[in-house]
Amino acid sequence: MTDDEGLAAVARALGHPARVHIVRLLSTQSECRGADVFSELPLAQSTISEHLRVLKEAGLINARPEGTSMVYCVVPGVLDGLASSIRDMAEAAPSCFAGKKGC
């Protein structure tokens, strides 16, 4: 997978407000039980489980069983990599239409 493919996969996974909310929640703590994630969102448990699956497949979060529940956490470095990639693009982008009548 190229860097662009990885960035696109992470961006797609973050393309839904519920998934952004889940990542925000998980990024504030070292780990979080599934029941706590479910109680944070006004969505059906099955819908939240699907969002968690998408985030996990994109490599944004990890999950591990603990007793009868699952515990989730953000994968270290993935958000830093996303921020770095976006920052690099923003810094490299010239001003659009800087004194020109078209691109």
PDB file of N, CA and C in Angstrom:
ATOM      1  N   MET A   1       0.838  -1.178   0.000  1.00  0.00           N
ATOM      2  CA  MET A   1       0.000   0.000   0.000  1.00  0.00           C
ATOM      3  C   MET A   1       0.887   1.247   0.000  1.00  0.00           C
ATOM      4  N   THR A   2       0.544   2.203  -0.842  1.00  0.00           N
ATOM      5  CA  THR A   2       1.312   3.447  -0.867  1.00  0.00           C
ATOM      6  C   THR A   2       0.848   4.365   0.255  1.00  0.00           C
ATOM      7  N   ASP A   3       1.625   5.395   0.506  1.00  0.00           N
ATOM      8  CA  ASP A   3       1.234   6.375   1.518  1.00  0.00           C
ATOM      9  C   ASP A   3      -0.098   7.016   1.163  1.00  0.00           C
ATOM     10  N   ASP A   4      -0.295   7.304  -0.143  1.00  0.00           N
ATOM     11  CA  ASP A   4      -1.557   7.894  -0.573  1.00  0.00           C
ATOM     12  C   ASP A   4      -2.722   6.946  -0.328  1.00  0.00           C
ATOM     13  N   GLU A   5      -2.507   5.656  -0.553  1.00  0.00           N
ATOM     14  CA  GLU A   5      -3.570   4.683  -0.301  1.00  0.00           C
ATOM     15  C   GLU A   5      -3.902   4.604   1.186  1.00  0.00           C
ATOM     16  N   GLY A   6      -2.883   4.632   2.023  1.00  0.00           N
ATOM     17  CA  GLY A   6      -3.101   4.605   3.464  1.00  0.00           C
ATOM     18  C   GLY A   6      -3.823   5.845   3.952  1.00  0.00           C
ATOM     19  N   LEU A   7      -3.403   7.001   3.445  1.00  0.00           N
ATOM     20  CA  LEU A   7      -4.061   8.254   3.810  1.00  0.00           C
ATOM     21  C   LEU A   7      -5.516   8.236   3.362  1.00  0.00           C
ATOM     22  N   ALA A   8      -5.778   7.755   2.158  1.00  0.00           N
ATOM     23  CA  ALA A   8      -7.148   7.685   1.650  1.00  0.00           C
ATOM     24  C   ALA A   8      -7.998   6.734   2.491  1.00  0.00           C
ATOM     25  N   ALA A   9      -7.434   5.611   2.912  1.00  0.00           N
ATOM     26  CA  ALA A   9      -8.176   4.660   3.740  1.00  0.00           C
ATOM     27  C   ALA A   9      -8.549   5.280   5.083  1.00  0.00           C
ATOM     28  N   VAL A  10      -7.614   6.001   5.693  1.00  0.00           N
ATOM     29  CA  VAL A  10      -7.890   6.663   6.971  1.00  0.00           C
ATOM     30  C   VAL A  10      -8.927   7.767   6.769  1.00  0.00           C
ATOM     31  N   ALA A  11      -8.791   8.538   5.691  1.00  0.00           N
ATOM     32  CA  ALA A  11      -9.739   9.617   5.416  1.00  0.00           C
ATOM     33  C   ALA A  11     -11.146   9.063   5.183  1.00  0.00           C
ATOM     34  N   ARG A  12     -11.247   7.951   4.441  1.00  0.00           N
ATOM     35  CA  ARG A  12     -12.561   7.318   4.220  1.00  0.00           C
ATOM     36  C   ARG A  12     -13.162   6.876   5.543  1.00  0.00           C
ATOM     37  N   ALA A  13     -12.340   6.283   6.387  1.00  0.00           N
ATOM     38  CA  ALA A  13     -12.837   5.802   7.685  1.00  0.00           C
ATOM     39  C   ALA A  13     -13.324   6.959   8.543  1.00  0.00           C
ATOM     40  N   LEU A  14     -12.713   8.115   8.410  1.00  0.00           N
ATOM     41  CA  LEU A  14     -13.124   9.282   9.191  1.00  0.00           C
ATOM     42  C   LEU A  14     -14.198  10.101   8.474  1.00  0.00           C
ATOM     43  N   GLY A  15     -14.742   9.551   7.399  1.00  0.00           N
ATOM     44  CA  GLY A  15     -15.726  10.256   6.590  1.00  0.00           C
ATOM     45  C   GLY A  15     -17.144  10.235   7.136  1.00  0.00           C
ATOM     46  N   HIS A  16     -17.329   9.782   8.343  1.00  0.00           N
ATOM     47  CA  HIS A  16     -18.661   9.785   8.963  1.00  0.00           C
ATOM     48  C   HIS A  16     -18.547  10.434  10.335  1.00  0.00           C
ATOM     49  N   PRO A  17     -19.472  11.342  10.673  1.00  0.00           N
ATOM     50  CA  PRO A  17     -19.386  12.031  11.968  1.00  0.00           C
ATOM     51  C   PRO A  17     -19.367  11.092  13.176  1.00  0.00           C
ATOM     52  N   ALA A  18     -20.064   9.985  13.112  1.00  0.00           N
ATOM     53  CA  ALA A  18     -20.057   9.048  14.244  1.00  0.00           C
ATOM     54  C   ALA A  18     -18.668   8.451  14.441  1.00  0.00           C
ATOM     55  N   ARG A  19     -17.973   8.164  13.345  1.00  0.00           N
ATOM     56  CA  ARG A  19     -16.629   7.600  13.467  1.00  0.00           C
ATOM     57  C   ARG A  19     -15.652   8.645  13.979  1.00  0.00           C
ATOM     58  N   VAL A  20     -15.814   9.888  13.560  1.00  0.00           N
ATOM     59  CA  VAL A  20     -14.977  10.962  14.101  1.00  0.00           C
ATOM     60  C   VAL A  20     -15.217  11.071  15.607  1.00  0.00           C
ATOM     61  N   HIS A  21     -16.479  11.001  16.019  1.00  0.00           N
ATOM     62  CA  HIS A  21     -16.814  11.075  17.447  1.00  0.00           C
ATOM     63  C   HIS A  21     -16.160   9.922  18.219  1.00  0.00           C
ATOM     64  N   ILE A  22     -16.207   8.727  17.653  1.00  0.00           N
ATOM     65  CA  ILE A  22     -15.606   7.563  18.312  1.00  0.00           C
ATOM     66  C   ILE A  22     -14.099   7.768  18.473  1.00  0.00           C
ATOM     67  N   VAL A  23     -13.432   8.228  17.425  1.00  0.00           N
ATOM     68  CA  VAL A  23     -11.980   8.444  17.503  1.00  0.00           C
ATOM     69  C   VAL A  23     -11.662   9.535  18.517  1.00  0.00           C
ATOM     70  N   ARG A  24     -12.467  10.597  18.547  1.00  0.00           N
ATOM     71  CA  ARG A  24     -12.257  11.648  19.556  1.00  0.00           C
ATOM     72  C   ARG A  24     -12.381  11.061  20.959  1.00  0.00           C
ATOM     73  N   LEU A  25     -13.403  10.252  21.174  1.00  0.00           N
ATOM     74  CA  LEU A  25     -13.611   9.620  22.477  1.00  0.00           C
ATOM     75  C   LEU A  25     -12.416   8.741  22.846  1.00  0.00           C
ATOM     76  N   LEU A  26     -12.002   7.889  21.920  1.00  0.00           N
ATOM     77  CA  LEU A  26     -10.907   6.963  22.213  1.00  0.00           C
ATOM     78  C   LEU A  26      -9.569   7.679  22.366  1.00  0.00           C
ATOM     79  N   SER A  27      -9.407   8.807  21.704  1.00  0.00           N
ATOM     80  CA  SER A  27      -8.118   9.508  21.776  1.00  0.00           C
ATOM     81  C   SER A  27      -7.914  10.221  23.109  1.00  0.00           C
ATOM     82  N   THR A  28      -8.952  10.289  23.937  1.00  0.00           N
ATOM     83  CA  THR A  28      -8.819  10.958  25.232  1.00  0.00           C
ATOM     84  C   THR A  28      -8.434  10.008  26.352  1.00  0.00           C
ATOM     85  N   GLN A  29      -8.304   8.729  26.040  1.00  0.00           N
ATOM     86  CA  GLN A  29      -7.976   7.744  27.072  1.00  0.00           C
ATOM     87  C   GLN A  29      -7.151   6.611  26.480  1.00  0.00           C
ATOM     88  N   SER A  30      -6.509   5.861  27.324  1.00  0.00           N
ATOM     89  CA  SER A  30      -5.643   4.791  26.822  1.00  0.00           C
ATOM     90  C   SER A  30      -6.441   3.621  26.261  1.00  0.00           C
ATOM     91  N   GLU A  31      -7.615   3.376  26.820  1.00  0.00           N
ATOM     92  CA  GLU A  31      -8.499   2.330  26.297  1.00  0.00           C
ATOM     93  C   GLU A  31      -9.917   2.599  26.781  1.00  0.00           C
ATOM     94  N   CYS A  32     -10.873   1.984  26.105  1.00  0.00           N
ATOM     95  CA  CYS A  32     -12.277   2.247  26.415  1.00  0.00           C
ATOM     96  C   CYS A  32     -13.086   0.976  26.142  1.00  0.00           C
ATOM     97  N   ARG A  33     -13.914   0.598  27.079  1.00  0.00           N
ATOM     98  CA  ARG A  33     -14.782  -0.565  26.889  1.00  0.00           C
ATOM     99  C   ARG A  33     -15.863  -0.257  25.866  1.00  0.00           C
ATOM    100  N   GLY A  34     -16.246  -1.284  25.140  1.00  0.00           N
ATOM    101  CA  GLY A  34     -17.286  -1.124  24.135  1.00  0.00           C
ATOM    102  C   GLY A  34     -18.565  -0.537  24.707  1.00  0.00           C
ATOM    103  N   ALA A  35     -18.947  -0.965  25.900  1.00  0.00           N
ATOM    104  CA  ALA A  35     -20.172  -0.456  26.521  1.00  0.00           C
ATOM    105  C   ALA A  35     -20.105   1.052  26.716  1.00  0.00           C
ATOM    106  N   ASP A  36     -18.918   1.573  27.018  1.00  0.00           N
ATOM    107  CA  ASP A  36     -18.755   3.018  27.185  1.00  0.00           C
ATOM    108  C   ASP A  36     -18.889   3.744  25.846  1.00  0.00           C
ATOM    109  N   VAL A  37     -18.371   3.138  24.793  1.00  0.00           N
ATOM    110  CA  VAL A  37     -18.522   3.719  23.459  1.00  0.00           C
ATOM    111  C   VAL A  37     -20.003   3.727  23.081  1.00  0.00           C
ATOM    112  N   PHE A  38     -20.695   2.612  23.326  1.00  0.00           N
ATOM    113  CA  PHE A  38     -22.115   2.509  22.981  1.00  0.00           C
ATOM    114  C   PHE A  38     -22.953   3.545  23.724  1.00  0.00           C
ATOM    115  N   SER A  39     -22.590   3.842  24.964  1.00  0.00           N
ATOM    116  CA  SER A  39     -23.372   4.799  25.755  1.00  0.00           C
ATOM    117  C   SER A  39     -23.126   6.246  25.325  1.00  0.00           C
ATOM    118  N   GLU A  40     -22.066   6.489  24.564  1.00  0.00           N
ATOM    119  CA  GLU A  40     -21.714   7.849  24.134  1.00  0.00           C
ATOM    120  C   GLU A  40     -22.435   8.307  22.875  1.00  0.00           C
ATOM    121  N   LEU A  41     -22.981   7.375  22.123  1.00  0.00           N
ATOM    122  CA  LEU A  41     -23.596   7.725  20.844  1.00  0.00           C
ATOM    123  C   LEU A  41     -25.076   7.345  20.821  1.00  0.00           C
ATOM    124  N   PRO A  42     -25.916   8.196  20.239  1.00  0.00           N
ATOM    125  CA  PRO A  42     -27.343   7.892  20.160  1.00  0.00           C
ATOM    126  C   PRO A  42     -27.683   7.015  18.953  1.00  0.00           C
ATOM    127  N   LEU A  43     -26.939   5.936  18.815  1.00  0.00           N
ATOM    128  CA  LEU A  43     -27.126   5.019  17.691  1.00  0.00           C
ATOM    129  C   LEU A  43     -27.302   3.606  18.216  1.00  0.00           C
ATOM    130  N   ALA A  44     -27.861   2.750  17.384  1.00  0.00           N
ATOM    131  CA  ALA A  44     -28.020   1.343  17.753  1.00  0.00           C
ATOM    132  C   ALA A  44     -26.642   0.707  17.944  1.00  0.00           C
ATOM    133  N   GLN A  45     -26.581  -0.250  18.838  1.00  0.00           N
ATOM    134  CA  GLN A  45     -25.310  -0.931  19.110  1.00  0.00           C
ATOM    135  C   GLN A  45     -24.753  -1.557  17.841  1.00  0.00           C
ATOM    136  N   SER A  46     -25.619  -2.110  17.008  1.00  0.00           N
ATOM    137  CA  SER A  46     -25.145  -2.734  15.765  1.00  0.00           C
ATOM    138  C   SER A  46     -24.527  -1.697  14.825  1.00  0.00           C
ATOM    139  N   THR A  47     -25.074  -0.498  14.806  1.00  0.00           N
ATOM    140  CA  THR A  47     -24.530   0.575  13.971  1.00  0.00           C
ATOM    141  C   THR A  47     -23.162   1.005  14.485  1.00  0.00           C
ATOM    142  N   ILE A  48     -23.053   1.150  15.788  1.00  0.00           N
ATOM    143  CA  ILE A  48     -21.764   1.531  16.387  1.00  0.00           C
ATOM    144  C   ILE A  48     -20.738   0.435  16.146  1.00  0.00           C
ATOM    145  N   SER A  49     -21.154  -0.808  16.260  1.00  0.00           N
ATOM    146  CA  SER A  49     -20.233  -1.926  15.999  1.00  0.00           C
ATOM    147  C   SER A  49     -19.708  -1.869  14.570  1.00  0.00           C
ATOM    148  N   GLU A  50     -20.563  -1.514  13.625  1.00  0.00           N
ATOM    149  CA  GLU A  50     -20.135  -1.388  12.231  1.00  0.00           C
ATOM    150  C   GLU A  50     -19.131  -0.239  12.085  1.00  0.00           C
ATOM    151  N   HIS A  51     -19.381   0.873  12.749  1.00  0.00           N
ATOM    152  CA  HIS A  51     -18.435   1.986  12.706  1.00  0.00           C
ATOM    153  C   HIS A  51     -17.091   1.567  13.310  1.00  0.00           C
ATOM    154  N   LEU A  52     -17.119   0.842  14.398  1.00  0.00           N
ATOM    155  CA  LEU A  52     -15.879   0.355  15.014  1.00  0.00           C
ATOM    156  C   LEU A  52     -15.135  -0.583  14.065  1.00  0.00           C
ATOM    157  N   ARG A  53     -15.872  -1.417  13.357  1.00  0.00           N
ATOM    158  CA  ARG A  53     -15.257  -2.338  12.389  1.00  0.00           C
ATOM    159  C   ARG A  53     -14.538  -1.550  11.294  1.00  0.00           C
ATOM    160  N   VAL A  54     -15.181  -0.511  10.762  1.00  0.00           N
ATOM    161  CA  VAL A  54     -14.581   0.306   9.705  1.00  0.00           C
ATOM    162  C   VAL A  54     -13.298   0.963  10.212  1.00  0.00           C
ATOM    163  N   LEU A  55     -13.348   1.510  11.411  1.00  0.00           N
ATOM    164  CA  LEU A  55     -12.164   2.151  11.997  1.00  0.00           C
ATOM    165  C   LEU A  55     -11.032   1.147  12.211  1.00  0.00           C
ATOM    166  N   LYS A  56     -11.393  -0.052  12.636  1.00  0.00           N
ATOM    167  CA  LYS A  56     -10.385  -1.096  12.865  1.00  0.00           C
ATOM    168  C   LYS A  56      -9.759  -1.539  11.546  1.00  0.00           C
ATOM    169  N   GLU A  57     -10.579  -1.733  10.513  1.00  0.00           N
ATOM    170  CA  GLU A  57     -10.051  -2.147   9.209  1.00  0.00           C
ATOM    171  C   GLU A  57      -9.134  -1.098   8.594  1.00  0.00           C
ATOM    172  N   ALA A  58      -9.390   0.172   8.901  1.00  0.00           N
ATOM    173  CA  ALA A  58      -8.547   1.243   8.379  1.00  0.00           C
ATOM    174  C   ALA A  58      -7.265   1.406   9.184  1.00  0.00           C
ATOM    175  N   GLY A  59      -7.141   0.654  10.267  1.00  0.00           N
ATOM    176  CA  GLY A  59      -5.936   0.715  11.083  1.00  0.00           C
ATOM    177  C   GLY A  59      -5.917   1.846  12.096  1.00  0.00           C
ATOM    178  N   LEU A  60      -7.066   2.490  12.307  1.00  0.00           N
ATOM    179  CA  LEU A  60      -7.135   3.602  13.264  1.00  0.00           C
ATOM    180  C   LEU A  60      -7.263   3.146  14.701  1.00  0.00           C
ATOM    181  N   ILE A  61      -7.927   2.015  14.914  1.00  0.00           N
ATOM    182  CA  ILE A  61      -8.120   1.530  16.280  1.00  0.00           C
ATOM    183  C   ILE A  61      -7.770   0.058  16.382  1.00  0.00           C
ATOM    184  N   ASN A  62      -7.473  -0.353  17.596  1.00  0.00           N
ATOM    185  CA  ASN A  62      -7.280  -1.761  17.938  1.00  0.00           C
ATOM    186  C   ASN A  62      -8.387  -2.180  18.879  1.00  0.00           C
ATOM    187  N   ALA A  63      -8.665  -3.467  18.896  1.00  0.00           N
ATOM    188  CA  ALA A  63      -9.661  -4.020  19.808  1.00  0.00           C
ATOM    189  C   ALA A  63      -9.118  -5.322  20.382  1.00  0.00           C
ATOM    190  N   ARG A  64      -9.451  -5.556  21.648  1.00  0.00           N
ATOM    191  CA  ARG A  64      -9.063  -6.826  22.271  1.00  0.00           C
ATOM    192  C   ARG A  64     -10.178  -7.241  23.225  1.00  0.00           C
ATOM    193  N   PRO A  65     -10.411  -8.542  23.304  1.00  0.00           N
ATOM    194  CA  PRO A  65     -11.431  -9.004  24.251  1.00  0.00           C
ATOM    195  C   PRO A  65     -10.929  -8.899  25.678  1.00  0.00           C
ATOM    196  N   GLU A  66     -11.830  -8.545  26.566  1.00  0.00           N
ATOM    197  CA  GLU A  66     -11.541  -8.542  27.997  1.00  0.00           C
ATOM    198  C   GLU A  66     -12.788  -9.046  28.705  1.00  0.00           C
ATOM    199  N   GLY A  67     -12.707 -10.283  29.170  1.00  0.00           N
ATOM    200  CA  GLY A  67     -13.898 -10.908  29.743  1.00  0.00           C
ATOM    201  C   GLY A  67     -14.943 -11.087  28.662  1.00  0.00           C
ATOM    202  N   THR A  68     -16.130 -10.574  28.921  1.00  0.00           N
ATOM    203  CA  THR A  68     -17.215 -10.711  27.942  1.00  0.00           C
ATOM    204  C   THR A  68     -17.368  -9.467  27.066  1.00  0.00           C
ATOM    205  N   SER A  69     -16.469  -8.514  27.206  1.00  0.00           N
ATOM    206  CA  SER A  69     -16.582  -7.289  26.403  1.00  0.00           C
ATOM    207  C   SER A  69     -15.321  -7.063  25.592  1.00  0.00           C
ATOM    208  N   MET A  70     -15.384  -6.032  24.761  1.00  0.00           N
ATOM    209  CA  MET A  70     -14.229  -5.629  23.958  1.00  0.00           C
ATOM    210  C   MET A  70     -13.711  -4.308  24.502  1.00  0.00           C
ATOM    211  N   VAL A  71     -12.410  -4.135  24.386  1.00  0.00           N
ATOM    212  CA  VAL A  71     -11.758  -2.894  24.789  1.00  0.00           C
ATOM    213  C   VAL A  71     -11.108  -2.317  23.537  1.00  0.00           C
ATOM    214  N   TYR A  72     -11.295  -1.019  23.322  1.00  0.00           N
ATOM    215  CA  TYR A  72     -10.812  -0.346  22.120  1.00  0.00           C
ATOM    216  C   TYR A  72      -9.798   0.737  22.484  1.00  0.00           C
ATOM    217  N   CYS A  73      -8.885   0.998  21.557  1.00  0.00           N
ATOM    218  CA  CYS A  73      -7.926   2.092  21.725  1.00  0.00           C
ATOM    219  C   CYS A  73      -7.482   2.577  20.354  1.00  0.00           C
ATOM    220  N   VAL A  74      -6.999   3.812  20.318  1.00  0.00           N
ATOM    221  CA  VAL A  74      -6.460   4.378  19.081  1.00  0.00           C
ATOM    222  C   VAL A  74      -5.069   3.796  18.858  1.00  0.00           C
ATOM    223  N   VAL A  75      -4.773   3.425  17.616  1.00  0.00           N
ATOM    224  CA  VAL A  75      -3.445   2.913  17.273  1.00  0.00           C
ATOM    225  C   VAL A  75      -2.448   4.078  17.334  1.00  0.00           C
ATOM    226  N   PRO A  76      -1.394   3.917  18.132  1.00  0.00           N
ATOM    227  CA  PRO A  76      -0.420   5.007  18.258  1.00  0.00           C
ATOM    228  C   PRO A  76       0.175   5.396  16.899  1.00  0.00           C
ATOM    229  N   GLY A  77       0.281   6.682  16.676  1.00  0.00           N
ATOM    230  CA  GLY A  77       0.940   7.178  15.479  1.00  0.00           C
ATOM    231  C   GLY A  77       0.062   7.387  14.262  1.00  0.00           C
ATOM    232  N   VAL A  78      -1.093   6.749  14.194  1.00  0.00           N
ATOM    233  CA  VAL A  78      -1.924   6.884  12.994  1.00  0.00           C
ATOM    234  C   VAL A  78      -2.452   8.310  12.862  1.00  0.00           C
ATOM    235  N   LEU A  79      -2.932   8.878  13.947  1.00  0.00           N
ATOM    236  CA  LEU A  79      -3.428  10.252  13.888  1.00  0.00           C
ATOM    237  C   LEU A  79      -2.286  11.236  13.637  1.00  0.00           C
ATOM    238  N   ASP A  80      -1.113  10.955  14.201  1.00  0.00           N
ATOM    239  CA  ASP A  80       0.051  11.801  13.926  1.00  0.00           C
ATOM    240  C   ASP A  80       0.417  11.748  12.444  1.00  0.00           C
ATOM    241  N   GLY A  81       0.365  10.561  11.872  1.00  0.00           N
ATOM    242  CA  GLY A  81       0.659  10.408  10.445  1.00  0.00           C
ATOM    243  C   GLY A  81      -0.345  11.145   9.577  1.00  0.00           C
ATOM    244  N   LEU A  82      -1.621  11.075   9.957  1.00  0.00           N
ATOM    245  CA  LEU A  82      -2.659  11.792   9.227  1.00  0.00           C
ATOM    246  C   LEU A  82      -2.417  13.292   9.309  1.00  0.00           C
ATOM    247  N   ALA A  83      -2.165  13.780  10.512  1.00  0.00           N
ATOM    248  CA  ALA A  83      -1.922  15.215  10.706  1.00  0.00           C
ATOM    249  C   ALA A  83      -0.693  15.664   9.921  1.00  0.00           C
ATOM    250  N   SER A  84       0.347  14.869   9.930  1.00  0.00           N
ATOM    251  CA  SER A  84       1.574  15.211   9.217  1.00  0.00           C
ATOM    252  C   SER A  84       1.335  15.272   7.708  1.00  0.00           C
ATOM    253  N   SER A  85       0.607  14.299   7.178  1.00  0.00           N
ATOM    254  CA  SER A  85       0.319  14.276   5.739  1.00  0.00           C
ATOM    255  C   SER A  85      -0.496  15.491   5.320  1.00  0.00           C
ATOM    256  N   ILE A  86      -1.501  15.835   6.095  1.00  0.00           N
ATOM    257  CA  ILE A  86      -2.334  16.990   5.765  1.00  0.00           C
ATOM    258  C   ILE A  86      -1.528  18.283   5.906  1.00  0.00           C
ATOM    259  N   ARG A  87      -0.714  18.356   6.950  1.00  0.00           N
ATOM    260  CA  ARG A  87       0.134  19.531   7.147  1.00  0.00           C
ATOM    261  C   ARG A  87       1.097  19.703   5.969  1.00  0.00           C
ATOM    262  N   ASP A  88       1.696  18.602   5.494  1.00  0.00           N
ATOM    263  CA  ASP A  88       2.616  18.667   4.355  1.00  0.00           C
ATOM    264  C   ASP A  88       1.906  19.186   3.106  1.00  0.00           C
ATOM    265  N   MET A  89       0.694  18.704   2.854  1.00  0.00           N
ATOM    266  CA  MET A  89      -0.062  19.177   1.689  1.00  0.00           C
ATOM    267  C   MET A  89      -0.396  20.660   1.822  1.00  0.00           C
ATOM    268  N   ALA A  90      -0.817  21.064   3.020  1.00  0.00           N
ATOM    269  CA  ALA A  90      -1.187  22.469   3.244  1.00  0.00           C
ATOM    270  C   ALA A  90       0.009  23.398   3.064  1.00  0.00           C
ATOM    271  N   GLU A  91       1.160  22.972   3.553  1.00  0.00           N
ATOM    272  CA  GLU A  91       2.359  23.807   3.446  1.00  0.00           C
ATOM    273  C   GLU A  91       2.884  23.870   2.013  1.00  0.00           C
ATOM    274  N   ALA A  92       2.660  22.824   1.221  1.00  0.00           N
ATOM    275  CA  ALA A  92       3.151  22.788  -0.151  1.00  0.00           C
ATOM    276  C   ALA A  92       2.214  23.485  -1.141  1.00  0.00           C
ATOM    277  N   ALA A  93       0.981  23.689  -0.755  1.00  0.00           N
ATOM    278  CA  ALA A  93      -0.010  24.256  -1.667  1.00  0.00           C
ATOM    279  C   ALA A  93       0.238  25.750  -1.905  1.00  0.00           C
ATOM    280  N   PRO A  94       0.360  26.145  -3.174  1.00  0.00           N
ATOM    281  CA  PRO A  94       0.497  27.570  -3.466  1.00  0.00           C
ATOM    282  C   PRO A  94      -0.859  28.249  -3.325  1.00  0.00           C
ATOM    283  N   SER A  95      -0.824  29.567  -3.275  1.00  0.00           N
ATOM    284  CA  SER A  95      -2.074  30.321  -3.219  1.00  0.00           C
ATOM    285  C   SER A  95      -2.827  30.126  -4.521  1.00  0.00           C
ATOM    286  N   CYS A  96      -4.061  29.802  -4.426  1.00  0.00           N
ATOM    287  CA  CYS A  96      -4.891  29.581  -5.602  1.00  0.00           C
ATOM    288  C   CYS A  96      -5.280  30.918  -6.208  1.00  0.00           C
ATOM    289  N   PHE A  97      -5.133  31.013  -7.511  1.00  0.00           N
ATOM    290  CA  PHE A  97      -5.489  32.221  -8.263  1.00  0.00           C
ATOM    291  C   PHE A  97      -4.710  33.452  -7.807  1.00  0.00           C
ATOM    292  N   ALA A  98      -3.500  33.252  -7.354  1.00  0.00           N
ATOM    293  CA  ALA A  98      -2.663  34.384  -6.907  1.00  0.00           C
ATOM    294  C   ALA A  98      -2.319  35.262  -8.089  1.00  0.00           C
ATOM    295  N   GLY A  99      -3.198  36.227  -8.365  1.00  0.00           N
ATOM    296  CA  GLY A  99      -2.959  37.168  -9.453  1.00  0.00           C
ATOM    297  C   GLY A  99      -3.188  36.595 -10.834  1.00  0.00           C
ATOM    298  N   LYS A 100      -3.820  35.437 -10.954  1.00  0.00           N
ATOM    299  CA  LYS A 100      -4.063  34.806 -12.243  1.00  0.00           C
ATOM    300  C   LYS A 100      -5.558  34.689 -12.466  1.00  0.00           C
ATOM    301  N   LYS A 101      -5.928  34.522 -13.706  1.00  0.00           N
ATOM    302  CA  LYS A 101      -7.353  34.366 -14.039  1.00  0.00           C
ATOM    303  C   LYS A 101      -7.690  32.910 -14.331  1.00  0.00           C
ATOM    304  N   GLY A 102      -7.060  31.987 -13.659  1.00  0.00           N
ATOM    305  CA  GLY A 102      -7.334  30.573 -13.870  1.00  0.00           C
ATOM    306  C   GLY A 102      -6.139  29.736 -13.477  1.00  0.00           C
ATOM    307  N   CYS A 103      -6.376  28.455 -13.352  1.00  0.00           N
ATOM    308  CA  CYS A 103      -5.296  27.550 -12.966  1.00  0.00           C
ATOM    309  C   CYS A 103      -4.748  26.837 -14.178  1.00  0.00           C
TER     310      CYS A 103
END
